[in-house]
């Protein structure tokens, strides 16, 4: 039962994180990963089929979000570097 409670809490937190805007979501995802993801994460995860499907969808949705967010930040940094070179 303890594993199930932990798993449901992880799912609920992931649902909560997913409901935020992009900048807040990125920092909350970092906190979520630090709290829940470790070497034996899959061993601790215990969800029924429907909850596991939700978790799977949210997990990969947020991985893709982080990839896009990282790319967006990289582009913004490149623009800032170009502007800095222009003004020097």
Protein backbone atom coordinates (compact mmCIF):
# COMPACT_ATOMS: atom_id res chain seq x y z
CA UNK A 1 0.00 0.00 0.00
CA UNK A 2 2.91 2.34 0.70
CA UNK A 3 4.20 1.95 -2.87
CA UNK A 4 0.73 2.62 -4.22
CA UNK A 5 0.36 5.79 -2.13
CA UNK A 6 3.80 6.99 -3.24
CA UNK A 7 2.91 6.27 -6.87
CA UNK A 8 -0.42 8.09 -6.67
CA UNK A 9 1.27 11.07 -5.03
CA UNK A 10 3.85 11.15 -7.85
CA UNK A 11 1.05 11.02 -10.43
CA UNK A 12 -0.95 13.75 -8.68
CA UNK A 13 2.10 16.00 -8.49
CA UNK A 14 2.80 15.40 -12.19
CA UNK A 15 -0.79 16.36 -13.04
CA UNK A 16 -0.37 19.50 -10.91
CA UNK A 17 2.91 20.40 -12.63
CA UNK A 18 1.35 19.90 -16.05
CA UNK A 19 -1.34 22.47 -15.28
CA UNK A 20 1.11 25.41 -15.03
CA UNK A 21 2.43 27.85 -17.62
CA UNK A 22 5.76 27.11 -19.33
CA UNK A 23 8.30 28.85 -17.09
CA UNK A 24 6.74 27.67 -13.85
CA UNK A 25 6.19 24.22 -15.31
CA UNK A 26 9.86 23.82 -16.16
CA UNK A 27 11.01 24.63 -12.64
CA UNK A 28 8.29 22.45 -11.08
CA UNK A 29 9.33 19.57 -13.34
CA UNK A 30 12.87 19.93 -12.08
CA UNK A 31 11.61 19.70 -8.51
CA UNK A 32 9.41 16.72 -9.40
CA UNK A 33 12.34 14.89 -10.98
CA UNK A 34 14.58 15.55 -8.00
CA UNK A 35 11.93 14.24 -5.63
CA UNK A 36 10.66 11.18 -7.50
CA UNK A 37 13.17 10.05 -10.12
CA UNK A 38 15.98 7.91 -8.81
CA UNK A 39 17.71 4.68 -9.76
CA UNK A 40 14.90 2.44 -8.52
CA UNK A 41 11.98 4.60 -9.68
CA UNK A 42 10.45 1.83 -11.80
CA UNK A 43 10.67 -0.64 -8.93
CA UNK A 44 8.72 1.72 -6.67
CA UNK A 45 6.05 2.61 -9.24
CA UNK A 46 2.80 0.72 -8.59
CA UNK A 47 -0.25 1.97 -10.49
CA UNK A 48 -3.29 0.33 -12.02
CA UNK A 49 -3.66 0.31 -15.79
CA UNK A 50 -5.64 3.55 -16.14
CA UNK A 51 -3.37 5.50 -13.81
CA UNK A 52 -0.29 4.06 -15.49
CA UNK A 53 -1.60 5.19 -18.87
CA UNK A 54 -2.15 8.73 -17.50
CA UNK A 55 1.30 8.70 -15.96
CA UNK A 56 2.87 7.49 -19.21
CA UNK A 57 1.16 10.18 -21.27
CA UNK A 58 2.07 12.97 -18.86
CA UNK A 59 5.63 11.76 -18.41
CA UNK A 60 6.41 11.73 -22.13
CA UNK A 61 4.42 14.90 -22.76
CA UNK A 62 6.61 16.66 -20.21
CA UNK A 63 9.81 15.19 -21.65
CA UNK A 64 8.84 16.67 -25.01
CA UNK A 65 7.93 19.95 -23.34
CA UNK A 66 11.37 20.13 -21.71
CA UNK A 67 13.08 19.44 -25.05
CA UNK A 68 11.12 22.26 -26.69
CA UNK A 69 11.66 24.58 -23.73
CA UNK A 70 15.40 23.93 -23.80
CA UNK A 71 15.52 24.65 -27.52
CA UNK A 72 13.58 27.87 -27.00
CA UNK A 73 15.99 29.02 -24.29
CA UNK A 74 18.97 28.12 -26.50
CA UNK A 75 17.56 30.26 -29.33
CA UNK A 76 16.97 33.18 -26.96
CA UNK A 77 20.54 32.92 -25.69
CA UNK A 78 21.89 32.95 -29.23
CA UNK A 79 19.87 36.06 -30.04
CA UNK A 80 21.19 37.73 -26.88
CA UNK A 81 24.77 36.82 -27.84
CA UNK A 82 24.25 38.24 -31.33
CA UNK A 83 22.83 41.46 -29.92
CA UNK A 84 25.73 41.74 -27.49
CA UNK A 85 28.23 41.33 -30.36
CA UNK A 86 26.37 43.95 -32.40
CA UNK A 87 26.50 46.53 -29.61
CA UNK A 88 30.16 46.00 -28.74
